[in-house]
Amino acid sequence: HLVVGNPRYLILPWVRVPHLASHLLGAVARALPGHWVERYGYAPVLLETFVDVGRYAGTCYKAANWVRVGQTKG
Protein backbone atom coordinates (compact mmCIF):
# COMPACT_ATOMS: atom_id res chain seq x y z
CA HIS A 1 0.00 0.00 0.00
CA LEU A 2 3.03 2.32 0.14
CA VAL A 3 3.70 2.13 -3.61
CA VAL A 4 1.74 4.26 -6.09
CA GLY A 5 1.68 3.04 -9.68
CA ASN A 6 1.46 5.28 -12.71
CA PRO A 7 0.35 2.81 -15.40
CA ARG A 8 -0.40 5.36 -18.14
CA TYR A 9 0.91 8.76 -19.02
CA LEU A 10 -0.15 10.41 -22.24
CA ILE A 11 0.27 13.84 -23.69
CA LEU A 12 -1.50 13.99 -27.01
CA PRO A 13 0.74 14.64 -30.04
CA TRP A 14 -0.83 17.97 -30.93
CA VAL A 15 -0.10 19.47 -27.49
CA ARG A 16 3.13 21.42 -27.95
CA VAL A 17 4.44 22.85 -24.67
CA PRO A 18 8.20 22.72 -24.03
CA HIS A 19 9.15 20.42 -21.12
CA LEU A 20 5.50 19.79 -20.24
CA ALA A 21 5.94 16.07 -19.57
CA SER A 22 8.80 16.40 -17.09
CA HIS A 23 7.18 19.44 -15.47
CA LEU A 24 3.95 17.50 -14.82
CA LEU A 25 5.75 14.40 -13.56
CA GLY A 26 7.79 16.47 -11.13
CA ALA A 27 4.75 18.38 -9.92
CA VAL A 28 2.79 15.16 -9.35
CA ALA A 29 5.69 13.56 -7.46
CA ARG A 30 5.88 16.58 -5.16
CA ALA A 31 2.12 16.97 -4.58
CA LEU A 32 0.98 13.36 -4.38
CA PRO A 33 2.36 12.45 -0.91
CA GLY A 34 0.52 15.33 0.74
CA HIS A 35 -2.72 14.47 -1.03
CA TRP A 36 -2.44 10.85 0.10
CA VAL A 37 -1.86 11.90 3.71
CA GLU A 38 -5.03 14.02 3.56
CA ARG A 39 -7.06 11.26 1.91
CA TYR A 40 -5.66 8.01 3.34
CA GLY A 41 -3.68 9.08 6.42
CA TYR A 42 -0.26 7.99 5.17
CA ALA A 43 2.26 8.99 2.52
CA PRO A 44 3.52 6.59 -0.13
CA VAL A 45 7.24 5.86 -0.13
CA LEU A 46 7.60 4.98 -3.81
CA LEU A 47 6.11 6.05 -7.12
CA GLU A 48 6.47 3.60 -9.97
CA THR A 49 5.81 3.52 -13.68
CA PHE A 50 6.66 1.41 -16.68
CA VAL A 51 8.26 2.59 -19.91
CA ASP A 52 8.13 0.56 -23.12
CA VAL A 53 11.87 0.77 -23.79
CA GLY A 54 11.31 -0.59 -27.28
CA ARG A 55 9.45 2.59 -28.17
CA TYR A 56 10.52 5.24 -25.62
CA ALA A 57 13.66 6.26 -23.78
CA GLY A 58 11.92 7.55 -20.64
CA THR A 59 13.54 10.95 -21.12
CA CYS A 60 10.73 12.89 -19.44
CA TYR A 61 11.05 10.70 -16.33
CA LYS A 62 14.80 11.28 -16.23
CA ALA A 63 14.26 15.02 -16.59
CA ALA A 64 11.78 14.93 -13.70
CA ASN A 65 14.41 13.22 -11.49
CA TRP A 66 12.71 9.83 -11.40
CA VAL A 67 15.27 7.10 -10.80
CA ARG A 68 15.37 3.88 -12.82
CA VAL A 69 15.66 1.03 -10.36
CA GLY A 70 15.43 -1.92 -12.72
CA GLN A 71 13.76 -3.81 -15.48
CA THR A 72 10.74 -6.05 -14.92
CA LYS A 73 10.65 -9.57 -16.27
CA GLY A 74 6.92 -9.32 -16.92
C-alpha atoms as a PDB file:
ATOM      1  CA  HIS A   1       0.000   0.000   0.000  1.00  0.00           C
ATOM      2  CA  LEU A   2       3.035   2.319   0.140  1.00  0.00           C
ATOM      3  CA  VAL A   3       3.697   2.126  -3.613  1.00  0.00           C
ATOM      4  CA  VAL A   4       1.744   4.259  -6.091  1.00  0.00           C
ATOM      5  CA  GLY A   5       1.684   3.042  -9.680  1.00  0.00           C
ATOM      6  CA  ASN A   6       1.456   5.285 -12.711  1.00  0.00           C
ATOM      7  CA  PRO A   7       0.353   2.811 -15.404  1.00  0.00           C
ATOM      8  CA  ARG A   8      -0.404   5.365 -18.136  1.00  0.00           C
ATOM      9  CA  TYR A   9       0.908   8.763 -19.020  1.00  0.00           C
ATOM     10  CA  LEU A  10      -0.152  10.406 -22.244  1.00  0.00           C
ATOM     11  CA  ILE A  11       0.268  13.845 -23.694  1.00  0.00           C
ATOM     12  CA  LEU A  12      -1.503  13.992 -27.009  1.00  0.00           C
ATOM     13  CA  PRO A  13       0.744  14.640 -30.036  1.00  0.00           C
ATOM     14  CA  TRP A  14      -0.831  17.972 -30.927  1.00  0.00           C
ATOM     15  CA  VAL A  15      -0.098  19.467 -27.486  1.00  0.00           C
ATOM     16  CA  ARG A  16       3.133  21.415 -27.945  1.00  0.00           C
ATOM     17  CA  VAL A  17       4.439  22.853 -24.669  1.00  0.00           C
ATOM     18  CA  PRO A  18       8.197  22.724 -24.025  1.00  0.00           C
ATOM     19  CA  HIS A  19       9.149  20.424 -21.125  1.00  0.00           C
ATOM     20  CA  LEU A  20       5.497  19.791 -20.241  1.00  0.00           C
ATOM     21  CA  ALA A  21       5.939  16.065 -19.569  1.00  0.00           C
ATOM     22  CA  SER A  22       8.798  16.396 -17.090  1.00  0.00           C
ATOM     23  CA  HIS A  23       7.183  19.436 -15.469  1.00  0.00           C
ATOM     24  CA  LEU A  24       3.949  17.503 -14.822  1.00  0.00           C
ATOM     25  CA  LEU A  25       5.754  14.395 -13.561  1.00  0.00           C
ATOM     26  CA  GLY A  26       7.794  16.475 -11.128  1.00  0.00           C
ATOM     27  CA  ALA A  27       4.745  18.377  -9.915  1.00  0.00           C
ATOM     28  CA  VAL A  28       2.792  15.159  -9.348  1.00  0.00           C
ATOM     29  CA  ALA A  29       5.693  13.559  -7.465  1.00  0.00           C
ATOM     30  CA  ARG A  30       5.882  16.581  -5.159  1.00  0.00           C
ATOM     31  CA  ALA A  31       2.120  16.971  -4.579  1.00  0.00           C
ATOM     32  CA  LEU A  32       0.981  13.358  -4.378  1.00  0.00           C
ATOM     33  CA  PRO A  33       2.357  12.447  -0.910  1.00  0.00           C
ATOM     34  CA  GLY A  34       0.517  15.328   0.740  1.00  0.00           C
ATOM     35  CA  HIS A  35      -2.718  14.469  -1.033  1.00  0.00           C
ATOM     36  CA  TRP A  36      -2.439  10.845   0.103  1.00  0.00           C
ATOM     37  CA  VAL A  37      -1.856  11.902   3.707  1.00  0.00           C
ATOM     38  CA  GLU A  38      -5.025  14.017   3.561  1.00  0.00           C
ATOM     39  CA  ARG A  39      -7.063  11.255   1.914  1.00  0.00           C
ATOM     40  CA  TYR A  40      -5.660   8.012   3.345  1.00  0.00           C
ATOM     41  CA  GLY A  41      -3.682   9.077   6.422  1.00  0.00           C
ATOM     42  CA  TYR A  42      -0.259   7.992   5.174  1.00  0.00           C
ATOM     43  CA  ALA A  43       2.265   8.987   2.517  1.00  0.00           C
ATOM     44  CA  PRO A  44       3.522   6.586  -0.128  1.00  0.00           C
ATOM     45  CA  VAL A  45       7.238   5.857  -0.130  1.00  0.00           C
ATOM     46  CA  LEU A  46       7.602   4.983  -3.811  1.00  0.00           C
ATOM     47  CA  LEU A  47       6.107   6.052  -7.122  1.00  0.00           C
ATOM     48  CA  GLU A  48       6.470   3.604  -9.974  1.00  0.00           C
ATOM     49  CA  THR A  49       5.812   3.521 -13.683  1.00  0.00           C
ATOM     50  CA  PHE A  50       6.664   1.405 -16.680  1.00  0.00           C
ATOM     51  CA  VAL A  51       8.259   2.588 -19.914  1.00  0.00           C
ATOM     52  CA  ASP A  52       8.130   0.563 -23.123  1.00  0.00           C
ATOM     53  CA  VAL A  53      11.869   0.775 -23.790  1.00  0.00           C
ATOM     54  CA  GLY A  54      11.312  -0.587 -27.277  1.00  0.00           C
ATOM     55  CA  ARG A  55       9.450   2.595 -28.168  1.00  0.00           C
ATOM     56  CA  TYR A  56      10.516   5.239 -25.622  1.00  0.00           C
ATOM     57  CA  ALA A  57      13.661   6.257 -23.781  1.00  0.00           C
ATOM     58  CA  GLY A  58      11.918   7.554 -20.641  1.00  0.00           C
ATOM     59  CA  THR A  59      13.538  10.946 -21.117  1.00  0.00           C
ATOM     60  CA  CYS A  60      10.727  12.892 -19.443  1.00  0.00           C
ATOM     61  CA  TYR A  61      11.049  10.700 -16.329  1.00  0.00           C
ATOM     62  CA  LYS A  62      14.800  11.277 -16.228  1.00  0.00           C
ATOM     63  CA  ALA A  63      14.257  15.023 -16.592  1.00  0.00           C
ATOM     64  CA  ALA A  64      11.780  14.934 -13.696  1.00  0.00           C
ATOM     65  CA  ASN A  65      14.410  13.224 -11.486  1.00  0.00           C
ATOM     66  CA  TRP A  66      12.712   9.832 -11.403  1.00  0.00           C
ATOM     67  CA  VAL A  67      15.271   7.101 -10.804  1.00  0.00           C
ATOM     68  CA  ARG A  68      15.368   3.883 -12.825  1.00  0.00           C
ATOM     69  CA  VAL A  69      15.662   1.034 -10.364  1.00  0.00           C
ATOM     70  CA  GLY A  70      15.434  -1.919 -12.718  1.00  0.00           C
ATOM     71  CA  GLN A  71      13.758  -3.812 -15.477  1.00  0.00           C
ATOM     72  CA  THR A  72      10.736  -6.053 -14.922  1.00  0.00           C
ATOM     73  CA  LYS A  73      10.650  -9.566 -16.271  1.00  0.00           C
ATOM     74  CA  GLY A  74       6.918  -9.317 -16.924  1.00  0.00           C
END
